[in-house]
C-alpha atoms as a PDB file:
ATOM      1  CA  MET A   1      76.919  75.166  44.230  1.00  0.00           C
ATOM      2  CA  ILE A   2      75.206  77.056  47.337  1.00  0.00           C
ATOM      3  CA  THR A   3      72.193  74.894  49.070  1.00  0.00           C
ATOM      4  CA  VAL A   4      69.888  76.636  51.458  1.00  0.00           C
ATOM      5  CA  GLU A   5      67.905  75.061  53.920  1.00  0.00           C
ATOM      6  CA  LYS A   6      65.404  77.134  56.386  1.00  0.00           C
ATOM      7  CA  THR A   7      66.203  75.275  60.088  1.00  0.00           C
ATOM      8  CA  ALA A   8      64.170  77.162  62.199  1.00  0.00           C
ATOM      9  CA  GLU A   9      61.716  80.112  62.506  1.00  0.00           C
ATOM     10  CA  LEU A  10      61.564  82.241  65.890  1.00  0.00           C
ATOM     11  CA  THR A  11      58.285  83.868  66.735  1.00  0.00           C
ATOM     12  CA  GLY A  12      57.248  85.443  69.570  1.00  0.00           C
ATOM     13  CA  HIS A  13      58.346  89.595  68.624  1.00  0.00           C
ATOM     14  CA  SER A  14      54.817  91.435  68.564  1.00  0.00           C
ATOM     15  CA  ASN A  15      55.630  94.185  66.074  1.00  0.00           C
ATOM     16  CA  PRO A  16      58.647  94.371  63.121  1.00  0.00           C
ATOM     17  CA  ILE A  17      61.868  93.318  63.960  1.00  0.00           C
ATOM     18  CA  PHE A  18      64.993  95.958  63.468  1.00  0.00           C
ATOM     19  CA  THR A  19      67.921  94.361  64.373  1.00  0.00           C
ATOM     20  CA  LEU A  20      69.930  91.372  65.633  1.00  0.00           C
ATOM     21  CA  GLU A  21      73.555  90.740  67.085  1.00  0.00           C
ATOM     22  CA  LEU A  22      75.289  87.294  68.214  1.00  0.00           C
ATOM     23  CA  SER A  23      76.484  87.492  72.018  1.00  0.00           C
ATOM     24  CA  GLN A  24      79.849  87.063  72.966  1.00  0.00           C
ATOM     25  CA  LYS A  25      78.451  83.976  74.719  1.00  0.00           C
ATOM     26  CA  PRO A  26      78.445  81.169  71.775  1.00  0.00           C
ATOM     27  CA  GLY A  27      74.654  80.114  70.965  1.00  0.00           C
ATOM     28  CA  ILE A  28      73.353  83.078  72.048  1.00  0.00           C
ATOM     29  CA  LEU A  29      71.175  85.303  69.987  1.00  0.00           C
ATOM     30  CA  PHE A  30      69.692  88.739  71.196  1.00  0.00           C
ATOM     31  CA  THR A  31      67.086  90.952  68.686  1.00  0.00           C
ATOM     32  CA  GLY A  32      64.925  93.854  69.215  1.00  0.00           C
ATOM     33  CA  GLY A  33      62.563  96.233  67.063  1.00  0.00           C
ATOM     34  CA  ASN A  34      59.117  97.724  67.853  1.00  0.00           C
ATOM     35  CA  ASP A  35      58.749  96.264  70.853  1.00  0.00           C
ATOM     36  CA  LYS A  36      58.637  96.916  74.587  1.00  0.00           C
ATOM     37  CA  GLY A  37      61.705  94.823  75.560  1.00  0.00           C
ATOM     38  CA  LEU A  38      64.955  93.477  73.995  1.00  0.00           C
ATOM     39  CA  VAL A  39      65.057  89.518  73.258  1.00  0.00           C
ATOM     40  CA  GLU A  40      67.370  86.635  74.358  1.00  0.00           C
ATOM     41  CA  TRP A  41      67.246  83.345  72.120  1.00  0.00           C
ATOM     42  CA  SER A  42      69.281  80.272  72.249  1.00  0.00           C
ATOM     43  CA  LEU A  43      70.487  78.862  68.814  1.00  0.00           C
ATOM     44  CA  LYS A  44      71.035  75.485  70.239  1.00  0.00           C
ATOM     45  CA  ASP A  45      67.457  75.077  70.990  1.00  0.00           C
ATOM     46  CA  ASN A  46      66.371  77.378  68.572  1.00  0.00           C
ATOM     47  CA  ALA A  47      64.025  79.020  71.296  1.00  0.00           C
ATOM     48  CA  PHE A  48      62.922  81.909  73.223  1.00  0.00           C
ATOM     49  CA  ILE A  49      64.898  82.799  76.634  1.00  0.00           C
ATOM     50  CA  LYS A  50      63.845  85.535  78.202  1.00  0.00           C
ATOM     51  CA  VAL A  51      63.481  89.421  77.787  1.00  0.00           C
ATOM     52  CA  MET A  52      66.496  90.888  78.933  1.00  0.00           C
ATOM     53  CA  PHE A  53      65.347  94.068  79.518  1.00  0.00           C
ATOM     54  CA  PRO A  54      62.190  96.050  78.872  1.00  0.00           C
ATOM     55  CA  VAL A  55      62.931  99.603  76.613  1.00  0.00           C
ATOM     56  CA  ALA A  56      61.005 102.947  76.632  1.00  0.00           C
ATOM     57  CA  ALA A  57      61.657 103.204  72.418  1.00  0.00           C
ATOM     58  CA  SER A  58      62.311 100.697  69.095  1.00  0.00           C
ATOM     59  CA  VAL A  59      65.351  99.418  69.280  1.00  0.00           C
ATOM     60  CA  TYR A  60      67.199 100.085  66.138  1.00  0.00           C
ATOM     61  CA  ALA A  61      70.945  98.740  66.787  1.00  0.00           C
ATOM     62  CA  ILE A  62      72.424  96.334  69.194  1.00  0.00           C
ATOM     63  CA  HIS A  63      76.490  95.662  69.596  1.00  0.00           C
ATOM     64  CA  CYS A  64      78.116  93.094  71.566  1.00  0.00           C
ATOM     65  CA  PRO A  65      81.525  94.401  71.804  1.00  0.00           C
ATOM     66  CA  LEU A  66      84.844  91.410  72.079  1.00  0.00           C
ATOM     67  CA  GLY A  67      86.234  91.137  75.105  1.00  0.00           C
ATOM     68  CA  TYR A  68      83.630  93.405  77.359  1.00  0.00           C
ATOM     69  CA  PRO A  69      80.802  91.847  79.565  1.00  0.00           C
ATOM     70  CA  LEU A  70      78.454  94.403  77.898  1.00  0.00           C
ATOM     71  CA  LEU A  71      75.579  95.004  75.678  1.00  0.00           C
ATOM     72  CA  PHE A  72      74.750  98.171  73.725  1.00  0.00           C
ATOM     73  CA  ALA A  73      71.070  98.804  72.421  1.00  0.00           C
ATOM     74  CA  GLY A  74      70.528 101.845  70.524  1.00  0.00           C
ATOM     75  CA  LEU A  75      66.880 103.219  70.855  1.00  0.00           C
ATOM     76  CA  ARG A  76      64.440 105.357  68.715  1.00  0.00           C
ATOM     77  CA  ASN A  77      64.927 108.238  71.128  1.00  0.00           C
ATOM     78  CA  GLY A  78      68.492 108.652  70.941  1.00  0.00           C
ATOM     79  CA  ASP A  79      69.455 107.025  74.183  1.00  0.00           C
ATOM     80  CA  VAL A  80      72.368 104.037  74.328  1.00  0.00           C
ATOM     81  CA  LEU A  81      71.129 101.539  76.770  1.00  0.00           C
ATOM     82  CA  VAL A  82      74.255  99.592  78.270  1.00  0.00           C
ATOM     83  CA  PHE A  83      73.569  95.778  80.008  1.00  0.00           C
ATOM     84  CA  ASN A  84      76.156  94.505  82.108  1.00  0.00           C
ATOM     85  CA  PHE A  85      76.178  90.676  81.682  1.00  0.00           C
ATOM     86  CA  ILE A  86      77.858  90.033  85.112  1.00  0.00           C
ATOM     87  CA  GLU A  87      75.598  92.540  86.852  1.00  0.00           C
ATOM     88  CA  GLN A  88      73.038  91.383  85.171  1.00  0.00           C
ATOM     89  CA  LYS A  89      71.627  94.918  84.423  1.00  0.00           C
ATOM     90  CA  ILE A  90      71.418  98.057  82.704  1.00  0.00           C
ATOM     91  CA  VAL A  91      74.603 100.206  84.122  1.00  0.00           C
ATOM     92  CA  LYS A  92      74.388 103.030  82.488  1.00  0.00           C
ATOM     93  CA  THR A  93      72.657 105.422  79.948  1.00  0.00           C
ATOM     94  CA  LEU A  94      74.370 106.716  77.178  1.00  0.00           C
ATOM     95  CA  LYS A  95      72.695 110.455  76.946  1.00  0.00           C
ATOM     96  CA  HIS A  96      74.025 112.932  73.905  1.00  0.00           C
ATOM     97  CA  HIS A  97      71.617 111.934  70.960  1.00  0.00           C
ATOM     98  CA  THR A  98      68.068 113.003  70.468  1.00  0.00           C
ATOM     99  CA  ALA A  99      67.397 111.255  67.353  1.00  0.00           C
ATOM    100  CA  PRO A 100      67.173 107.853  66.656  1.00  0.00           C
ATOM    101  CA  ILE A 101      70.392 105.302  67.160  1.00  0.00           C
ATOM    102  CA  PHE A 102      70.774 103.583  63.738  1.00  0.00           C
ATOM    103  CA  ASP A 103      74.136 102.202  64.155  1.00  0.00           C
ATOM    104  CA  ILE A 104      76.510 101.167  66.988  1.00  0.00           C
ATOM    105  CA  LYS A 105      80.356  99.714  66.412  1.00  0.00           C
ATOM    106  CA  SER A 106      83.606  99.304  68.403  1.00  0.00           C
ATOM    107  CA  ALA A 107      86.763 100.167  67.267  1.00  0.00           C
ATOM    108  CA  ASN A 108      89.149  97.708  69.790  1.00  0.00           C
ATOM    109  CA  ARG A 109      91.932  98.979  69.181  1.00  0.00           C
ATOM    110  CA  LYS A 110      91.186 102.459  70.682  1.00  0.00           C
ATOM    111  CA  ASN A 111      89.031 101.006  73.054  1.00  0.00           C
ATOM    112  CA  GLU A 112      86.261 103.013  71.796  1.00  0.00           C
ATOM    113  CA  LEU A 113      82.371 102.857  70.737  1.00  0.00           C
ATOM    114  CA  LEU A 114      80.609 104.755  67.660  1.00  0.00           C
ATOM    115  CA  VAL A 115      77.622 105.529  67.714  1.00  0.00           C
ATOM    116  CA  ALA A 116      75.358 106.819  64.282  1.00  0.00           C
ATOM    117  CA  SER A 117      72.256 109.073  64.974  1.00  0.00           C
ATOM    118  CA  GLU A 118      69.663 110.509  63.001  1.00  0.00           C
ATOM    119  CA  ASP A 119      71.312 113.784  64.241  1.00  0.00           C
ATOM    120  CA  GLY A 120      73.982 113.586  61.530  1.00  0.00           C
ATOM    121  CA  THR A 121      76.683 112.689  64.354  1.00  0.00           C
ATOM    122  CA  VAL A 122      78.866 110.146  65.565  1.00  0.00           C
ATOM    123  CA  SER A 123      79.705 109.975  68.969  1.00  0.00           C
ATOM    124  CA  VAL A 124      83.040 108.175  70.401  1.00  0.00           C
ATOM    125  CA  TRP A 125      82.871 106.898  73.834  1.00  0.00           C
ATOM    126  CA  GLY A 126      85.578 105.047  76.242  1.00  0.00           C
ATOM    127  CA  LEU A 127      84.833 101.431  76.251  1.00  0.00           C
ATOM    128  CA  GLU A 128      86.320 101.457  79.728  1.00  0.00           C
ATOM    129  CA  SER A 129      84.776 104.365  81.074  1.00  0.00           C
ATOM    130  CA  LEU A 130      81.575 104.707  78.906  1.00  0.00           C
ATOM    131  CA  ASP A 131      82.425 108.590  78.857  1.00  0.00           C
ATOM    132  CA  LEU A 132      81.523 110.765  75.771  1.00  0.00           C
ATOM    133  CA  VAL A 133      84.805 111.415  74.259  1.00  0.00           C
ATOM    134  CA  TYR A 134      84.316 113.044  71.259  1.00  0.00           C
ATOM    135  CA  SER A 135      81.458 113.980  68.779  1.00  0.00           C
ATOM    136  CA  ILE A 136      81.604 114.498  64.876  1.00  0.00           C
ATOM    137  CA  LYS A 137      79.464 116.160  62.453  1.00  0.00           C
ATOM    138  CA  VAL A 138      79.213 113.585  59.888  1.00  0.00           C
ATOM    139  CA  SER A 139      76.812 115.092  57.821  1.00  0.00           C
ATOM    140  CA  HIS A 140      73.517 117.343  57.807  1.00  0.00           C
ATOM    141  CA  ASP A 141      71.542 114.251  57.759  1.00  0.00           C
ATOM    142  CA  THR A 142      70.829 110.671  59.051  1.00  0.00           C
ATOM    143  CA  ILE A 143      73.748 108.217  59.403  1.00  0.00           C
ATOM    144  CA  ARG A 144      72.378 104.750  58.664  1.00  0.00           C
ATOM    145  CA  SER A 145      75.426 102.287  59.041  1.00  0.00           C
ATOM    146  CA  ILE A 146      78.769 101.939  60.027  1.00  0.00           C
ATOM    147  CA  SER A 147      81.699 100.289  58.848  1.00  0.00           C
ATOM    148  CA  ILE A 148      85.107  99.328  60.960  1.00  0.00           C
ATOM    149  CA  SER A 149      88.026  98.630  58.383  1.00  0.00           C
ATOM    150  CA  PRO A 150      89.757  95.382  59.500  1.00  0.00           C
ATOM    151  CA  ASN A 151      92.706  97.119  60.564  1.00  0.00           C
ATOM    152  CA  GLU A 152      91.113  99.673  62.484  1.00  0.00           C
ATOM    153  CA  LYS A 153      92.194 102.600  60.230  1.00  0.00           C
ATOM    154  CA  GLN A 154      89.399 103.799  58.741  1.00  0.00           C
ATOM    155  CA  ALA A 155      85.565 104.270  59.472  1.00  0.00           C
ATOM    156  CA  ALA A 156      82.886 104.231  57.040  1.00  0.00           C
ATOM    157  CA  PHE A 157      79.492 106.314  57.375  1.00  0.00           C
ATOM    158  CA  GLY A 158      76.744 105.660  55.506  1.00  0.00           C
ATOM    159  CA  CYS A 159      74.415 108.742  55.161  1.00  0.00           C
ATOM    160  CA  ARG A 160      70.859 109.708  54.028  1.00  0.00           C
ATOM    161  CA  ASP A 161      72.248 112.365  51.880  1.00  0.00           C
ATOM    162  CA  ASN A 162      73.391 110.064  49.477  1.00  0.00           C
ATOM    163  CA  SER A 163      77.286 109.552  50.600  1.00  0.00           C
ATOM    164  CA  VAL A 164      79.318 107.925  52.211  1.00  0.00           C
ATOM    165  CA  LYS A 165      81.970 109.064  54.328  1.00  0.00           C
ATOM    166  CA  ILE A 166      85.635 107.907  55.123  1.00  0.00           C
ATOM    167  CA  TYR A 167      87.199 108.733  58.362  1.00  0.00           C
ATOM    168  CA  ASP A 168      90.363 108.565  60.235  1.00  0.00           C
ATOM    169  CA  LEU A 169      90.259 106.379  63.396  1.00  0.00           C
ATOM    170  CA  ASP A 170      92.989 107.670  64.723  1.00  0.00           C
ATOM    171  CA  ASP A 171      92.196 111.662  64.755  1.00  0.00           C
ATOM    172  CA  TYR A 172      88.434 111.428  63.484  1.00  0.00           C
ATOM    173  CA  THR A 173      89.077 113.603  60.436  1.00  0.00           C
ATOM    174  CA  LEU A 174      87.505 113.244  57.019  1.00  0.00           C
ATOM    175  CA  ILE A 175      89.575 111.174  54.475  1.00  0.00           C
ATOM    176  CA  LYS A 176      87.180 111.271  51.652  1.00  0.00           C
ATOM    177  CA  SER A 177      83.384 111.394  50.650  1.00  0.00           C
ATOM    178  CA  LEU A 178      82.434 109.033  48.354  1.00  0.00           C
ATOM    179  CA  HIS A 179      79.568 109.842  45.572  1.00  0.00           C
ATOM    180  CA  GLY A 180      77.936 107.706  42.844  1.00  0.00           C
ATOM    181  CA  HIS A 181      74.336 106.277  44.990  1.00  0.00           C
ATOM    182  CA  THR A 182      71.305 108.379  44.166  1.00  0.00           C
ATOM    183  CA  MET A 183      69.194 107.495  47.097  1.00  0.00           C
ATOM    184  CA  ALA A 184      70.074 107.415  50.828  1.00  0.00           C
ATOM    185  CA  ILE A 185      72.571 105.032  51.631  1.00  0.00           C
ATOM    186  CA  PHE A 186      71.222 102.230  54.282  1.00  0.00           C
ATOM    187  CA  ALA A 187      74.381  99.994  54.641  1.00  0.00           C
ATOM    188  CA  VAL A 188      78.484 100.095  54.380  1.00  0.00           C
ATOM    189  CA  GLN A 189      80.838  96.955  54.892  1.00  0.00           C
ATOM    190  CA  TYR A 190      84.505  96.815  54.434  1.00  0.00           C
ATOM    191  CA  SER A 191      85.478  93.298  53.398  1.00  0.00           C
ATOM    192  CA  SER A 192      87.315  90.902  55.129  1.00  0.00           C
ATOM    193  CA  ASP A 193      90.999  91.572  53.966  1.00  0.00           C
ATOM    194  CA  GLY A 194      89.797  95.491  53.907  1.00  0.00           C
ATOM    195  CA  SER A 195      90.892  96.494  50.194  1.00  0.00           C
ATOM    196  CA  TYR A 196      87.385  97.338  49.277  1.00  0.00           C
ATOM    197  CA  LEU A 197      84.100  98.665  50.753  1.00  0.00           C
ATOM    198  CA  VAL A 198      80.599  97.682  49.720  1.00  0.00           C
ATOM    199  CA  SER A 199      78.002 100.299  50.017  1.00  0.00           C
ATOM    200  CA  GLY A 200      74.318  99.608  50.003  1.00  0.00           C
ATOM    201  CA  SER A 201      71.428 102.210  49.070  1.00  0.00           C
ATOM    202  CA  ARG A 202      67.787 102.864  49.258  1.00  0.00           C
ATOM    203  CA  ASP A 203      68.318 103.205  45.243  1.00  0.00           C
ATOM    204  CA  ALA A 204      68.719  99.099  45.340  1.00  0.00           C
ATOM    205  CA  GLN A 205      72.405  99.638  44.215  1.00  0.00           C
ATOM    206  CA  LEU A 206      75.608  97.847  45.495  1.00  0.00           C
ATOM    207  CA  LYS A 207      78.872  99.679  44.953  1.00  0.00           C
ATOM    208  CA  ILE A 208      81.937  98.123  45.383  1.00  0.00           C
ATOM    209  CA  TRP A 209      84.978 101.058  46.071  1.00  0.00           C
ATOM    210  CA  ASP A 210      88.440 100.545  46.521  1.00  0.00           C
ATOM    211  CA  SER A 211      89.502 101.311  50.067  1.00  0.00           C
ATOM    212  CA  LEU A 212      92.740 102.713  49.160  1.00  0.00           C
ATOM    213  CA  SER A 213      92.238 105.094  46.032  1.00  0.00           C
ATOM    214  CA  PHE A 214      88.646 105.218  46.727  1.00  0.00           C
ATOM    215  CA  GLU A 215      87.702 104.505  42.948  1.00  0.00           C
ATOM    216  CA  LEU A 216      84.767 103.093  42.238  1.00  0.00           C
ATOM    217  CA  ILE A 217      85.541  99.893  41.242  1.00  0.00           C
ATOM    218  CA  LYS A 218      81.613  98.357  40.169  1.00  0.00           C
ATOM    219  CA  SER A 219      77.927  98.559  40.102  1.00  0.00           C
ATOM    220  CA  ILE A 220      76.027  96.111  40.599  1.00  0.00           C
ATOM    221  CA  PRO A 221      71.998  96.389  40.504  1.00  0.00           C
ATOM    222  CA  ALA A 222      71.509  94.152  43.301  1.00  0.00           C
ATOM    223  CA  HIS A 223      68.145  94.062  44.358  1.00  0.00           C
ATOM    224  CA  LEU A 224      64.417  95.506  43.396  1.00  0.00           C
ATOM    225  CA  PHE A 225      64.321  98.071  46.534  1.00  0.00           C
ATOM    226  CA  ALA A 226      66.456  99.465  49.398  1.00  0.00           C
ATOM    227  CA  VAL A 227      69.557  97.193  50.618  1.00  0.00           C
ATOM    228  CA  ASN A 228      69.134  96.928  54.160  1.00  0.00           C
ATOM    229  CA  HIS A 229      72.164  95.303  54.909  1.00  0.00           C
ATOM    230  CA  ILE A 230      75.408  93.738  54.154  1.00  0.00           C
ATOM    231  CA  LEU A 231      77.155  91.226  55.808  1.00  0.00           C
ATOM    232  CA  PHE A 232      80.531  89.395  54.679  1.00  0.00           C
ATOM    233  CA  HIS A 233      80.863  85.509  55.681  1.00  0.00           C
ATOM    234  CA  PRO A 234      83.594  85.122  58.510  1.00  0.00           C
ATOM    235  CA  SER A 235      85.819  83.044  56.883  1.00  0.00           C
ATOM    236  CA  LEU A 236      84.608  82.119  53.345  1.00  0.00           C
ATOM    237  CA  PRO A 237      84.685  84.609  50.142  1.00  0.00           C
ATOM    238  CA  TYR A 238      80.983  84.970  49.715  1.00  0.00           C
ATOM    239  CA  PHE A 239      78.955  88.181  51.759  1.00  0.00           C
ATOM    240  CA  ALA A 240      74.911  88.275  51.961  1.00  0.00           C
ATOM    241  CA  THR A 241      72.765  91.295  51.287  1.00  0.00           C
ATOM    242  CA  ALA A 242      68.866  91.783  52.582  1.00  0.00           C
ATOM    243  CA  SER A 243      66.416  93.874  51.179  1.00  0.00           C
ATOM    244  CA  MET A 244      63.443  95.633  51.082  1.00  0.00           C
ATOM    245  CA  ASP A 245      62.380  93.410  48.347  1.00  0.00           C
ATOM    246  CA  LYS A 246      62.182  90.477  50.899  1.00  0.00           C
ATOM    247  CA  SER A 247      65.164  88.616  49.449  1.00  0.00           C
ATOM    248  CA  ILE A 248      68.409  87.491  50.790  1.00  0.00           C
ATOM    249  CA  LYS A 249      71.076  87.368  48.316  1.00  0.00           C
ATOM    250  CA  ILE A 250      74.651  85.684  48.621  1.00  0.00           C
ATOM    251  CA  TRP A 251      77.353  87.427  46.304  1.00  0.00           C
ATOM    252  CA  GLY A 252      81.181  86.402  45.651  1.00  0.00           C
ATOM    253  CA  SER A 253      82.937  88.434  47.340  1.00  0.00           C
ATOM    254  CA  ASP A 254      86.020  87.654  45.077  1.00  0.00           C
ATOM    255  CA  ASP A 255      84.246  88.225  41.732  1.00  0.00           C
ATOM    256  CA  PHE A 256      81.186  90.018  43.276  1.00  0.00           C
ATOM    257  CA  LYS A 257      78.554  87.423  41.249  1.00  0.00           C
ATOM    258  CA  LEU A 258      75.296  86.651  42.304  1.00  0.00           C
ATOM    259  CA  TYR A 259      75.022  82.944  43.616  1.00  0.00           C
ATOM    260  CA  LYS A 260      71.856  82.512  45.418  1.00  0.00           C
ATOM    261  CA  ASN A 261      68.757  84.551  45.770  1.00  0.00           C
ATOM    262  CA  ILE A 262      66.832  83.346  49.006  1.00  0.00           C
ATOM    263  CA  SER A 263      63.316  84.767  48.512  1.00  0.00           C
ATOM    264  CA  ARG A 264      59.774  83.420  48.220  1.00  0.00           C
ATOM    265  CA  GLU A 265      59.771  83.841  44.505  1.00  0.00           C
ATOM    266  CA  LYS A 266      62.816  81.532  44.441  1.00  0.00           C
ATOM    267  CA  GLY A 267      60.556  78.953  46.347  1.00  0.00           C
ATOM    268  CA  TYR A 268      62.183  79.144  49.822  1.00  0.00           C
ATOM    269  CA  PRO A 269      60.118  79.703  52.947  1.00  0.00           C
ATOM    270  CA  SER A 270      61.459  83.275  53.708  1.00  0.00           C
ATOM    271  CA  HIS A 271      60.630  86.312  55.011  1.00  0.00           C
ATOM    272  CA  GLN A 272      57.037  88.043  53.593  1.00  0.00           C
ATOM    273  CA  LEU A 273      58.044  91.532  54.417  1.00  0.00           C
ATOM    274  CA  SER A 274      61.007  93.697  54.068  1.00  0.00           C
ATOM    275  CA  ILE A 275      64.281  91.791  55.433  1.00  0.00           C
ATOM    276  CA  ASN A 276      66.025  94.410  58.114  1.00  0.00           C
ATOM    277  CA  LYS A 277      69.090  92.888  59.019  1.00  0.00           C
ATOM    278  CA  LEU A 278      71.910  89.560  58.857  1.00  0.00           C
ATOM    279  CA  ALA A 279      73.645  87.731  61.485  1.00  0.00           C
ATOM    280  CA  TRP A 280      76.483  84.829  59.939  1.00  0.00           C
ATOM    281  CA  ASN A 281      76.449  82.453  63.018  1.00  0.00           C
ATOM    282  CA  GLY A 282      79.483  80.264  61.057  1.00  0.00           C
ATOM    283  CA  ASP A 283      77.413  78.980  58.175  1.00  0.00           C
ATOM    284  CA  GLN A 284      74.367  79.693  59.792  1.00  0.00           C
ATOM    285  CA  LEU A 285      72.634  82.729  58.511  1.00  0.00           C
ATOM    286  CA  ILE A 286      70.360  84.665  60.403  1.00  0.00           C
ATOM    287  CA  SER A 287      68.013  86.990  59.369  1.00  0.00           C
ATOM    288  CA  VAL A 288      64.897  89.365  60.742  1.00  0.00           C
ATOM    289  CA  SER A 289      62.071  90.913  58.889  1.00  0.00           C
ATOM    290  CA  ASP A 290      59.205  93.393  59.404  1.00  0.00           C
ATOM    291  CA  ASP A 291      56.991  89.707  59.285  1.00  0.00           C
ATOM    292  CA  LYS A 292      58.143  89.676  63.165  1.00  0.00           C
ATOM    293  CA  ARG A 293      60.193  86.509  62.609  1.00  0.00           C
ATOM    294  CA  VAL A 294      63.950  85.506  63.044  1.00  0.00           C
ATOM    295  CA  MET A 295      64.580  83.120  60.160  1.00  0.00           C
ATOM    296  CA  ILE A 296      67.425  80.295  60.323  1.00  0.00           C
ATOM    297  CA  TRP A 297      69.136  79.108  57.320  1.00  0.00           C
ATOM    298  CA  ASN A 298      71.219  76.652  56.990  1.00  0.00           C
ATOM    299  CA  ILE A 299      73.801  77.498  53.934  1.00  0.00           C
ATOM    300  CA  GLN A 300      76.053  75.091  52.669  1.00  0.00           C
ATOM    301  CA  PHE A 301      79.124  76.179  50.187  1.00  0.00           C
ATOM    302  CA  ASP A 302      80.270  73.502  48.011  1.00  0.00           C
ATOM    303  CA  THR A 303      84.487  74.491  48.588  1.00  0.00           C
ATOM    304  CA  ASN A 304      85.532  71.610  45.330  1.00  0.00           C
END
């Protein structure tokens, strides 16, 4: 049994919100979208703090790597802005891509940052030096999502050409291309134990892939429209999906059953437009949407 209560709604963005990220500092949230700035919020007070810095283009990706006082913001124009919390300013702009940046993740074992772009490449940067290390031509088309396996041996890239590409993180060679979706892949996520990978697509399907054999374990007709994001709970056996169909769904990560549908159709005071990204803050689930709102949900799991 899962119970859901909306505890806060944060307003202030004047345009759709595309992405969010929890800060390395507890109780702080960052959001970005089709606005003129990247916004900082207090989760303790559920209140706006400030606009961190202005941006010249829409923000599609935010990443705060553990162990570094840095925030990376990927923009529609291909730039990645690097904000240093200690210096309280943008210390560098990573310039390599000329097409939108859709996802940013870090591999801490190698102290590297991975940046995925509409240009079909993933650029690899040193987290210490902030210099370009490598560029991987993954696809002839957009790469929308990155997931790094828990042991940091593999990276999965969700591509617009309907495939998931699995790369070796040691030498950045292609291990496998996974085919099964009929439309662009918008989200990929390794399970918490790394045993499988979940992909979500514009075809509204979730597909579960074994991360050793790369066999397809299960296909789930999960949503009515595109699956925009997939995120595993930090400690419990569940994952959440966000969709263009204006719903958030919570699934069992061990049985792949649907346990909760958070949507206006189900009576929840939820988003009115596409839900683009999620963040787990303990048992709080935070969602952002094209409706310009940040919503905070308290999810109670009956663990009996």
